[in-house]
């Protein structure tokens, strides 16, 4: 692992670890934010089973967030952990920053700022999820193996032709 990743992964994961633990231990503030957008989610086709027990949903999402954050911070399956957090970040960002609401206790500018911050964090998570640590991609390795085998076949054919008469 390179030096920037050694520091960047725990820094990126810290928010998700703390927010996840908060959601598991004190889910009420998370539930209140979720219940603000529940009518919109139900109109858009969200199954009622997801909105029926918002406290349990907040705790489960918090547990997943904390576990994936810890895994990312420790470098254990960092691509899977970052991908999990990126997927989890989308609904959390939208729930925490309902920019479509006209009447809210939060100014619209703050909600937009929070939404863009969440999107920026999501972008960082996507980068972390696709980071192979300098290793080439599977597609490149397959193509390189094919090219190498083709070169070996050509060399073998050249040698066979050269020594066929002896």
Protein backbone atom coordinates (compact mmCIF):
# COMPACT_ATOMS: atom_id res chain seq x y z
CA UNK A 1 0.00 0.00 0.00
CA UNK A 2 1.32 3.43 -0.84
CA UNK A 3 1.79 6.11 1.81
CA UNK A 4 -1.13 8.37 0.78
CA UNK A 5 -3.55 5.42 0.83
CA UNK A 6 -2.25 4.45 4.27
CA UNK A 7 -3.54 7.78 5.59
CA UNK A 8 -6.42 8.46 3.18
CA UNK A 9 -8.38 5.27 3.81
CA UNK A 10 -8.77 5.78 7.58
CA UNK A 11 -9.56 9.45 7.02
CA UNK A 12 -12.27 8.56 4.50
CA UNK A 13 -13.63 5.78 6.71
CA UNK A 14 -13.74 7.79 9.95
CA UNK A 15 -17.04 9.52 9.14
CA UNK A 16 -18.76 6.22 8.35
CA UNK A 17 -17.43 4.53 11.48
CA UNK A 18 -18.62 7.31 13.80
CA UNK A 19 -21.95 7.81 12.01
CA UNK A 20 -22.56 4.06 11.96
CA UNK A 21 -21.89 3.70 15.68
CA UNK A 22 -24.13 6.71 16.36
CA UNK A 23 -26.88 5.16 14.25
CA UNK A 24 -26.67 1.87 16.12
CA UNK A 25 -26.56 3.35 19.63
CA UNK A 26 -28.80 6.41 19.17
CA UNK A 27 -30.96 5.77 16.11
CA UNK A 28 -33.64 8.37 16.90
CA UNK A 29 -32.04 11.32 15.06
CA UNK A 30 -31.42 9.07 12.05
CA UNK A 31 -35.01 7.80 12.19
CA UNK A 32 -36.36 11.38 12.26
CA UNK A 33 -34.40 12.25 9.12
CA UNK A 34 -35.60 9.05 7.44
CA UNK A 35 -39.24 9.72 8.38
CA UNK A 36 -39.05 13.16 6.74
CA UNK A 37 -38.49 11.52 3.35
CA UNK A 38 -40.60 8.36 3.88
CA UNK A 39 -43.68 9.75 2.03
CA UNK A 40 -41.54 10.54 -1.00
CA UNK A 41 -39.92 7.10 -0.89
CA UNK A 42 -43.28 5.37 -0.67
CA UNK A 43 -44.61 7.38 -3.62
CA UNK A 44 -41.56 6.34 -5.63
CA UNK A 45 -42.25 2.65 -5.01
CA UNK A 46 -40.18 1.75 -1.92
CA UNK A 47 -41.53 -1.46 -0.40
CA UNK A 48 -43.37 -0.70 2.86
CA UNK A 49 -41.31 -3.34 4.64
CA UNK A 50 -38.30 -0.99 4.50
CA UNK A 51 -40.12 1.94 6.01
CA UNK A 52 -42.17 -0.03 8.55
CA UNK A 53 -39.39 -0.31 11.13
CA UNK A 54 -37.20 2.72 10.64
CA UNK A 55 -35.34 2.16 13.92
CA UNK A 56 -34.19 -1.30 12.86
CA UNK A 57 -33.29 0.00 9.40
CA UNK A 58 -31.19 2.78 10.95
CA UNK A 59 -29.40 0.30 13.21
CA UNK A 60 -28.71 -2.17 10.41
CA UNK A 61 -27.47 0.56 8.08
CA UNK A 62 -25.32 1.89 10.92
CA UNK A 63 -23.85 -1.55 11.56
CA UNK A 64 -23.01 -2.04 7.90
CA UNK A 65 -21.55 1.46 7.72
CA UNK A 66 -19.38 0.97 10.82
CA UNK A 67 -18.19 -2.49 9.76
CA UNK A 68 -17.33 -1.41 6.23
CA UNK A 69 -15.67 1.74 7.58
CA UNK A 70 -13.50 -0.29 9.95
CA UNK A 71 -12.57 -2.67 7.15
CA UNK A 72 -11.61 0.24 4.89
CA UNK A 73 -9.60 1.93 7.66
CA UNK A 74 -7.68 -1.28 8.38
CA UNK A 75 -7.17 -2.10 4.70
CA UNK A 76 -9.11 -5.38 4.93
CA UNK A 77 -10.85 -5.95 1.60
CA UNK A 78 -10.65 -2.19 0.97
CA UNK A 79 -12.25 -2.32 -2.48
CA UNK A 80 -15.28 -4.23 -1.20
CA UNK A 81 -15.53 -1.99 1.87
CA UNK A 82 -15.30 1.19 -0.21
CA UNK A 83 -17.86 -0.13 -2.69
CA UNK A 84 -20.25 -0.97 0.13
CA UNK A 85 -19.83 2.49 1.62
CA UNK A 86 -20.30 4.12 -1.79
CA UNK A 87 -23.62 2.31 -2.25
CA UNK A 88 -24.71 3.11 1.28
CA UNK A 89 -23.63 6.74 0.89
CA UNK A 90 -26.21 7.45 -1.84
CA UNK A 91 -29.39 7.06 0.24
CA UNK A 92 -27.74 8.49 3.36
CA UNK A 93 -26.70 11.63 1.48
CA UNK A 94 -30.19 12.06 0.00
CA UNK A 95 -31.92 11.47 3.34
CA UNK A 96 -29.62 13.88 5.20
CA UNK A 97 -29.90 16.60 2.56
CA UNK A 98 -33.44 16.76 1.12
CA UNK A 99 -32.82 19.57 -1.36
CA UNK A 100 -36.28 19.10 -2.89
CA UNK A 101 -38.07 20.19 0.32
CA UNK A 102 -39.32 23.77 0.22
CA UNK A 103 -40.05 24.13 3.92
CA UNK A 104 -37.24 22.96 6.11
CA UNK A 105 -35.53 24.15 9.25
CA UNK A 106 -32.27 24.09 7.31
CA UNK A 107 -31.54 26.75 4.66
CA UNK A 108 -31.51 25.44 1.08
CA UNK A 109 -27.89 26.50 0.65
CA UNK A 110 -26.83 24.28 3.56
CA UNK A 111 -28.76 21.33 2.15
CA UNK A 112 -27.11 21.79 -1.25
CA UNK A 113 -23.71 22.09 0.42
CA UNK A 114 -24.35 18.86 2.33
CA UNK A 115 -25.53 17.11 -0.82
CA UNK A 116 -22.42 18.13 -2.74
CA UNK A 117 -20.20 17.13 0.19
CA UNK A 118 -21.86 13.72 0.23
CA UNK A 119 -21.39 13.38 -3.51
CA UNK A 120 -17.71 14.31 -3.11
CA UNK A 121 -17.26 11.67 -0.42
CA UNK A 122 -19.04 9.20 -2.71
CA UNK A 123 -16.58 10.06 -5.47
CA UNK A 124 -13.68 9.37 -3.13
CA UNK A 125 -15.24 6.05 -2.18
CA UNK A 126 -15.63 5.11 -5.84
CA UNK A 127 -11.96 5.90 -6.40
CA UNK A 128 -11.04 3.78 -3.39
CA UNK A 129 -13.26 0.95 -4.65
CA UNK A 130 -11.53 0.90 -8.02
CA UNK A 131 -7.97 1.34 -6.72
CA UNK A 132 -5.93 -1.77 -7.45
CA UNK A 133 -2.83 -0.53 -5.69
CA UNK A 134 -0.81 -0.29 -8.90
CA UNK A 135 -1.66 -3.79 -10.08
CA UNK A 136 -2.86 -4.09 -13.67
CA UNK A 137 -6.49 -4.85 -14.40
CA UNK A 138 -7.75 -8.32 -15.19
CA UNK A 139 -8.44 -7.29 -18.79
CA UNK A 140 -4.86 -6.12 -19.26
CA UNK A 141 -3.45 -9.31 -17.72
CA UNK A 142 -5.60 -11.51 -19.98
CA UNK A 143 -4.56 -9.57 -23.09
CA UNK A 144 -0.91 -9.62 -22.01
CA UNK A 145 -1.05 -13.41 -21.54
CA UNK A 146 -2.60 -13.83 -24.99
CA UNK A 147 0.08 -11.64 -26.56
CA UNK A 148 2.81 -13.53 -24.74
CA UNK A 149 1.44 -16.89 -25.92
CA UNK A 150 1.19 -15.59 -29.49
CA UNK A 151 4.83 -14.47 -29.32
CA UNK A 152 5.85 -17.91 -28.03
CA UNK A 153 3.94 -19.61 -30.87
CA UNK A 154 5.69 -17.38 -33.42
CA UNK A 155 9.08 -18.16 -31.91
CA UNK A 156 8.31 -21.86 -31.86
CA UNK A 157 7.23 -21.74 -35.51
CA UNK A 158 10.41 -19.86 -36.47
CA UNK A 159 12.56 -22.41 -34.65
CA UNK A 160 10.67 -25.33 -36.19
CA UNK A 161 11.14 -23.85 -39.66
CA UNK A 162 14.82 -23.17 -39.04
CA UNK A 163 15.65 -26.65 -37.79
CA UNK A 164 13.13 -28.65 -39.83
CA UNK A 165 15.72 -29.53 -42.47
CA UNK A 166 18.34 -30.91 -40.04
